[in-house]
Amino acid sequence: QVQLVESGGGLVQAGGSLRLSCAASGTIFRINVMGWYRQAPGKERELVAAITFGGSTNYADSVKGRFTISRDNAKNTVYLQMNSLKPDDTAVYYCKTTYYYSDYWGQGTQVTVSS
């Protein structure tokens, strides 16, 4: 069983920055991929960024060059640094991992970008 707890959301003006954190806890040997997803009102949940245990990353086209995903394997924590935020980035952001064939999601953290 894996528990994911996100933090760091909030309200920011367009052009501003936020840093999200997601800490995994439980009986964990090694988590391979950790990712961030987001869901805006009336839209489907989408992948924002993902990172492997070795540090390989993948980003949605809409956030490339603005967001950076990173992780601290010793702390089982993944981060999402979000710069140059736009109103279209407004959404609930979720942390997700797959561990032993089961998907685990965090509770979500709201990010609101005002114009």
N, C-alpha and C. Protein backbone atom coordinates (compact mmCIF):
# COMPACT_ATOMS: atom_id res chain seq x y z
N GLN A 1 0.85 -1.19 0.00
CA GLN A 1 0.00 0.00 0.00
C GLN A 1 0.89 1.24 0.00
N VAL A 2 0.54 2.19 -0.88
CA VAL A 2 1.29 3.43 -1.01
C VAL A 2 0.34 4.60 -0.77
N GLN A 3 0.77 5.52 0.05
CA GLN A 3 0.02 6.76 0.26
C GLN A 3 0.80 7.92 -0.36
N LEU A 4 0.07 8.78 -1.06
CA LEU A 4 0.67 9.95 -1.69
C LEU A 4 0.02 11.20 -1.13
N VAL A 5 0.84 12.13 -0.69
CA VAL A 5 0.33 13.37 -0.12
C VAL A 5 0.97 14.55 -0.85
N GLU A 6 0.12 15.35 -1.48
CA GLU A 6 0.60 16.51 -2.24
C GLU A 6 0.53 17.76 -1.37
N SER A 7 1.34 18.73 -1.74
CA SER A 7 1.29 20.04 -1.11
C SER A 7 1.85 21.07 -2.08
N GLY A 8 1.56 22.34 -1.81
CA GLY A 8 2.17 23.40 -2.57
C GLY A 8 1.26 24.14 -3.52
N GLY A 9 0.01 23.74 -3.64
CA GLY A 9 -0.88 24.46 -4.53
C GLY A 9 -1.26 25.81 -3.96
N GLY A 10 -2.01 26.57 -4.76
CA GLY A 10 -2.45 27.87 -4.30
C GLY A 10 -2.89 28.76 -5.42
N LEU A 11 -3.02 30.04 -5.10
CA LEU A 11 -3.44 31.05 -6.06
C LEU A 11 -2.24 31.90 -6.45
N VAL A 12 -2.06 32.10 -7.73
CA VAL A 12 -0.92 32.88 -8.22
C VAL A 12 -1.36 33.67 -9.44
N GLN A 13 -0.72 34.80 -9.67
CA GLN A 13 -1.01 35.58 -10.87
C GLN A 13 -0.31 34.99 -12.07
N ALA A 14 -0.85 35.27 -13.23
CA ALA A 14 -0.22 34.81 -14.46
C ALA A 14 1.22 35.30 -14.52
N GLY A 15 2.09 34.40 -14.95
CA GLY A 15 3.51 34.70 -14.98
C GLY A 15 4.25 34.29 -13.72
N GLY A 16 3.52 33.93 -12.70
CA GLY A 16 4.12 33.54 -11.44
C GLY A 16 4.57 32.09 -11.41
N SER A 17 5.02 31.67 -10.25
CA SER A 17 5.56 30.32 -10.08
C SER A 17 4.97 29.65 -8.84
N LEU A 18 4.91 28.34 -8.90
CA LEU A 18 4.55 27.51 -7.76
C LEU A 18 5.37 26.24 -7.81
N ARG A 19 5.56 25.65 -6.65
CA ARG A 19 6.26 24.37 -6.58
C ARG A 19 5.39 23.38 -5.81
N LEU A 20 5.07 22.29 -6.49
CA LEU A 20 4.28 21.23 -5.87
C LEU A 20 5.20 20.12 -5.38
N SER A 21 4.80 19.50 -4.29
CA SER A 21 5.53 18.35 -3.75
C SER A 21 4.57 17.20 -3.54
N CYS A 22 5.09 16.00 -3.67
CA CYS A 22 4.29 14.80 -3.43
C CYS A 22 5.18 13.78 -2.75
N ALA A 23 4.81 13.43 -1.53
CA ALA A 23 5.58 12.47 -0.76
C ALA A 23 4.86 11.13 -0.71
N ALA A 24 5.58 10.08 -1.02
CA ALA A 24 5.03 8.73 -0.97
C ALA A 24 5.47 8.06 0.33
N SER A 25 4.54 7.35 0.94
CA SER A 25 4.86 6.62 2.16
C SER A 25 4.20 5.26 2.11
N GLY A 26 4.64 4.38 2.98
CA GLY A 26 4.12 3.02 3.01
C GLY A 26 5.27 2.03 2.91
N THR A 27 4.90 0.80 2.66
CA THR A 27 5.93 -0.24 2.51
C THR A 27 6.41 -0.20 1.07
N ILE A 28 7.50 0.52 0.85
CA ILE A 28 7.97 0.80 -0.50
C ILE A 28 9.39 0.30 -0.65
N PHE A 29 9.62 -0.51 -1.69
CA PHE A 29 10.99 -0.90 -2.01
C PHE A 29 11.60 0.11 -2.96
N ARG A 30 10.96 0.27 -4.10
CA ARG A 30 11.43 1.27 -5.06
C ARG A 30 10.28 1.63 -5.99
N ILE A 31 10.03 2.90 -6.14
CA ILE A 31 9.00 3.35 -7.05
C ILE A 31 9.65 3.75 -8.36
N ASN A 32 9.22 3.16 -9.47
CA ASN A 32 9.86 3.46 -10.74
C ASN A 32 9.41 4.81 -11.29
N VAL A 33 8.17 4.92 -11.66
CA VAL A 33 7.69 6.15 -12.29
C VAL A 33 6.76 6.90 -11.34
N MET A 34 7.00 8.18 -11.23
CA MET A 34 6.09 9.07 -10.50
C MET A 34 5.69 10.18 -11.46
N GLY A 35 4.44 10.59 -11.37
CA GLY A 35 3.97 11.58 -12.32
C GLY A 35 2.99 12.56 -11.72
N TRP A 36 2.81 13.64 -12.45
CA TRP A 36 1.82 14.66 -12.11
C TRP A 36 0.78 14.71 -13.20
N TYR A 37 -0.47 14.73 -12.81
CA TYR A 37 -1.59 14.88 -13.71
C TYR A 37 -2.38 16.11 -13.25
N ARG A 38 -3.24 16.59 -14.14
CA ARG A 38 -4.12 17.68 -13.75
C ARG A 38 -5.48 17.51 -14.39
N GLN A 39 -6.47 18.09 -13.73
CA GLN A 39 -7.83 18.04 -14.25
C GLN A 39 -8.48 19.39 -14.03
N ALA A 40 -8.82 20.02 -15.14
CA ALA A 40 -9.53 21.29 -15.10
C ALA A 40 -11.03 21.04 -15.14
N PRO A 41 -11.83 21.98 -14.68
CA PRO A 41 -13.28 21.79 -14.69
C PRO A 41 -13.80 21.47 -16.08
N GLY A 42 -14.57 20.41 -16.20
CA GLY A 42 -15.16 20.04 -17.48
C GLY A 42 -14.22 19.35 -18.44
N LYS A 43 -13.01 19.08 -18.00
CA LYS A 43 -12.03 18.43 -18.87
C LYS A 43 -11.56 17.11 -18.27
N GLU A 44 -10.98 16.28 -19.11
CA GLU A 44 -10.46 15.01 -18.65
C GLU A 44 -9.11 15.22 -17.95
N ARG A 45 -8.79 14.28 -17.08
CA ARG A 45 -7.49 14.33 -16.42
C ARG A 45 -6.40 14.06 -17.46
N GLU A 46 -5.33 14.83 -17.39
CA GLU A 46 -4.25 14.68 -18.37
C GLU A 46 -2.89 14.62 -17.68
N LEU A 47 -1.97 13.94 -18.35
CA LEU A 47 -0.61 13.86 -17.85
C LEU A 47 0.08 15.21 -18.05
N VAL A 48 0.75 15.67 -16.99
CA VAL A 48 1.54 16.89 -17.07
C VAL A 48 3.01 16.55 -17.26
N ALA A 49 3.52 15.69 -16.38
CA ALA A 49 4.93 15.32 -16.44
C ALA A 49 5.12 14.03 -15.65
N ALA A 50 6.17 13.29 -16.03
CA ALA A 50 6.49 12.05 -15.33
C ALA A 50 8.00 11.90 -15.28
N ILE A 51 8.46 11.14 -14.28
CA ILE A 51 9.90 10.95 -14.11
C ILE A 51 10.15 9.53 -13.61
N THR A 52 11.18 8.90 -14.16
CA THR A 52 11.54 7.56 -13.73
C THR A 52 12.50 7.62 -12.55
N PHE A 53 12.75 6.46 -11.96
CA PHE A 53 13.69 6.38 -10.84
C PHE A 53 15.07 6.89 -11.25
N GLY A 54 15.44 6.65 -12.51
CA GLY A 54 16.74 7.08 -13.00
C GLY A 54 16.81 8.52 -13.46
N GLY A 55 15.65 9.19 -13.46
CA GLY A 55 15.65 10.61 -13.81
C GLY A 55 15.20 10.96 -15.22
N SER A 56 14.79 9.99 -16.00
CA SER A 56 14.26 10.31 -17.32
C SER A 56 12.90 10.98 -17.16
N THR A 57 12.66 12.00 -17.98
CA THR A 57 11.44 12.79 -17.84
C THR A 57 10.62 12.82 -19.11
N ASN A 58 9.35 13.12 -18.94
CA ASN A 58 8.41 13.25 -20.04
C ASN A 58 7.45 14.36 -19.68
N TYR A 59 7.18 15.25 -20.66
CA TYR A 59 6.32 16.40 -20.40
C TYR A 59 5.21 16.51 -21.45
N ALA A 60 4.08 17.03 -21.03
CA ALA A 60 3.06 17.41 -21.99
C ALA A 60 3.58 18.60 -22.79
N ASP A 61 3.20 18.68 -24.05
CA ASP A 61 3.67 19.76 -24.90
C ASP A 61 3.30 21.13 -24.32
N SER A 62 2.17 21.20 -23.67
CA SER A 62 1.68 22.49 -23.17
C SER A 62 2.51 23.06 -22.03
N VAL A 63 3.34 22.23 -21.41
CA VAL A 63 4.13 22.72 -20.27
C VAL A 63 5.63 22.67 -20.52
N LYS A 64 6.04 22.16 -21.65
CA LYS A 64 7.48 22.07 -21.94
C LYS A 64 8.12 23.45 -21.90
N GLY A 65 9.25 23.52 -21.24
CA GLY A 65 9.95 24.80 -21.13
C GLY A 65 9.49 25.66 -19.98
N ARG A 66 8.38 25.30 -19.35
CA ARG A 66 7.86 26.08 -18.22
C ARG A 66 7.86 25.28 -16.93
N PHE A 67 7.59 23.99 -17.02
CA PHE A 67 7.52 23.13 -15.83
C PHE A 67 8.73 22.21 -15.80
N THR A 68 9.16 21.89 -14.58
CA THR A 68 10.27 20.96 -14.39
C THR A 68 9.89 19.96 -13.31
N ILE A 69 9.97 18.68 -13.65
CA ILE A 69 9.71 17.63 -12.67
C ILE A 69 11.05 17.10 -12.16
N SER A 70 11.09 16.81 -10.88
CA SER A 70 12.30 16.25 -10.28
C SER A 70 11.88 15.34 -9.13
N ARG A 71 12.84 14.58 -8.62
CA ARG A 71 12.50 13.69 -7.51
C ARG A 71 13.70 13.48 -6.61
N ASP A 72 13.39 13.14 -5.36
CA ASP A 72 14.39 12.76 -4.38
C ASP A 72 14.09 11.31 -4.01
N ASN A 73 14.85 10.40 -4.56
CA ASN A 73 14.56 8.98 -4.36
C ASN A 73 14.71 8.57 -2.90
N ALA A 74 15.62 9.18 -2.19
CA ALA A 74 15.80 8.83 -0.78
C ALA A 74 14.58 9.19 0.05
N LYS A 75 13.85 10.21 -0.38
CA LYS A 75 12.67 10.65 0.35
C LYS A 75 11.37 10.19 -0.32
N ASN A 76 11.48 9.46 -1.43
CA ASN A 76 10.28 9.05 -2.19
C ASN A 76 9.37 10.25 -2.46
N THR A 77 9.97 11.32 -2.88
CA THR A 77 9.25 12.56 -3.10
C THR A 77 9.49 13.06 -4.52
N VAL A 78 8.42 13.53 -5.14
CA VAL A 78 8.51 14.10 -6.48
C VAL A 78 8.05 15.55 -6.40
N TYR A 79 8.67 16.39 -7.21
CA TYR A 79 8.38 17.82 -7.22
C TYR A 79 7.97 18.25 -8.62
N LEU A 80 7.20 19.33 -8.66
CA LEU A 80 6.87 19.94 -9.93
C LEU A 80 7.05 21.45 -9.79
N GLN A 81 8.10 21.97 -10.40
CA GLN A 81 8.35 23.40 -10.41
C GLN A 81 7.62 23.99 -11.60
N MET A 82 6.71 24.90 -11.33
CA MET A 82 5.89 25.48 -12.40
C MET A 82 6.20 26.96 -12.50
N ASN A 83 6.75 27.36 -13.65
CA ASN A 83 7.09 28.75 -13.90
C ASN A 83 6.24 29.29 -15.05
N SER A 84 6.21 30.60 -15.17
CA SER A 84 5.46 31.26 -16.25
C SER A 84 4.04 30.72 -16.34
N LEU A 85 3.41 30.64 -15.22
CA LEU A 85 2.07 30.05 -15.17
C LEU A 85 1.06 30.88 -15.95
N LYS A 86 0.11 30.17 -16.56
CA LYS A 86 -0.93 30.78 -17.36
C LYS A 86 -2.30 30.42 -16.76
N PRO A 87 -3.32 31.22 -17.06
CA PRO A 87 -4.66 30.86 -16.58
C PRO A 87 -5.08 29.45 -17.01
N ASP A 88 -4.63 29.01 -18.18
CA ASP A 88 -4.98 27.66 -18.65
C ASP A 88 -4.36 26.56 -17.81
N ASP A 89 -3.42 26.89 -16.95
CA ASP A 89 -2.84 25.90 -16.05
C ASP A 89 -3.70 25.66 -14.81
N THR A 90 -4.76 26.44 -14.66
CA THR A 90 -5.66 26.27 -13.52
C THR A 90 -6.29 24.89 -13.55
N ALA A 91 -6.13 24.15 -12.46
CA ALA A 91 -6.63 22.78 -12.39
C ALA A 91 -6.34 22.22 -11.00
N VAL A 92 -6.90 21.05 -10.76
CA VAL A 92 -6.46 20.27 -9.60
C VAL A 92 -5.33 19.37 -10.08
N TYR A 93 -4.22 19.43 -9.38
CA TYR A 93 -3.04 18.65 -9.75
C TYR A 93 -2.94 17.44 -8.83
N TYR A 94 -2.75 16.28 -9.47
CA TYR A 94 -2.68 15.02 -8.76
C TYR A 94 -1.31 14.35 -8.99
N CYS A 95 -0.82 13.78 -7.95
CA CYS A 95 0.36 12.94 -8.03
C CYS A 95 -0.09 11.49 -8.23
N LYS A 96 0.65 10.76 -9.04
CA LYS A 96 0.28 9.37 -9.31
C LYS A 96 1.52 8.50 -9.43
N THR A 97 1.40 7.27 -8.94
CA THR A 97 2.44 6.29 -9.20
C THR A 97 1.80 4.92 -9.39
N THR A 98 2.53 4.04 -10.01
CA THR A 98 2.10 2.65 -10.15
C THR A 98 3.13 1.79 -9.44
N TYR A 99 2.65 0.98 -8.51
CA TYR A 99 3.55 0.16 -7.71
C TYR A 99 2.98 -1.23 -7.64
N TYR A 100 3.76 -2.18 -8.12
CA TYR A 100 3.31 -3.56 -8.17
C TYR A 100 1.92 -3.66 -8.81
N TYR A 101 1.83 -3.08 -9.98
CA TYR A 101 0.66 -3.18 -10.86
C TYR A 101 -0.59 -2.47 -10.33
N SER A 102 -0.47 -1.72 -9.26
CA SER A 102 -1.61 -0.95 -8.75
C SER A 102 -1.32 0.54 -8.89
N ASP A 103 -2.34 1.30 -9.28
CA ASP A 103 -2.21 2.75 -9.40
C ASP A 103 -2.59 3.40 -8.07
N TYR A 104 -1.80 4.39 -7.70
CA TYR A 104 -2.05 5.14 -6.49
C TYR A 104 -2.09 6.63 -6.84
N TRP A 105 -3.09 7.32 -6.28
CA TRP A 105 -3.27 8.75 -6.53
C TRP A 105 -3.26 9.52 -5.22
N GLY A 106 -2.75 10.72 -5.30
CA GLY A 106 -2.87 11.62 -4.17
C GLY A 106 -4.26 12.25 -4.15
N GLN A 107 -4.50 13.06 -3.15
CA GLN A 107 -5.82 13.66 -2.97
C GLN A 107 -6.03 14.87 -3.87
N GLY A 108 -4.97 15.37 -4.44
CA GLY A 108 -5.06 16.53 -5.33
C GLY A 108 -4.80 17.83 -4.60
N THR A 109 -4.24 18.79 -5.34
CA THR A 109 -4.01 20.12 -4.80
C THR A 109 -4.42 21.14 -5.87
N GLN A 110 -5.16 22.14 -5.46
CA GLN A 110 -5.69 23.12 -6.39
C GLN A 110 -4.64 24.15 -6.75
N VAL A 111 -4.51 24.38 -8.04
CA VAL A 111 -3.68 25.46 -8.56
C VAL A 111 -4.59 26.40 -9.35
N THR A 112 -4.60 27.65 -8.96
CA THR A 112 -5.43 28.65 -9.63
C THR A 112 -4.54 29.79 -10.10
N VAL A 113 -4.59 30.07 -11.40
CA VAL A 113 -3.78 31.14 -11.98
C VAL A 113 -4.72 32.24 -12.45
N SER A 114 -4.58 33.40 -11.88
CA SER A 114 -5.45 34.52 -12.25
C SER A 114 -4.80 35.35 -13.35
N SER A 115 -5.65 35.92 -14.19
CA SER A 115 -5.13 36.70 -15.32
C SER A 115 -4.96 38.17 -14.94
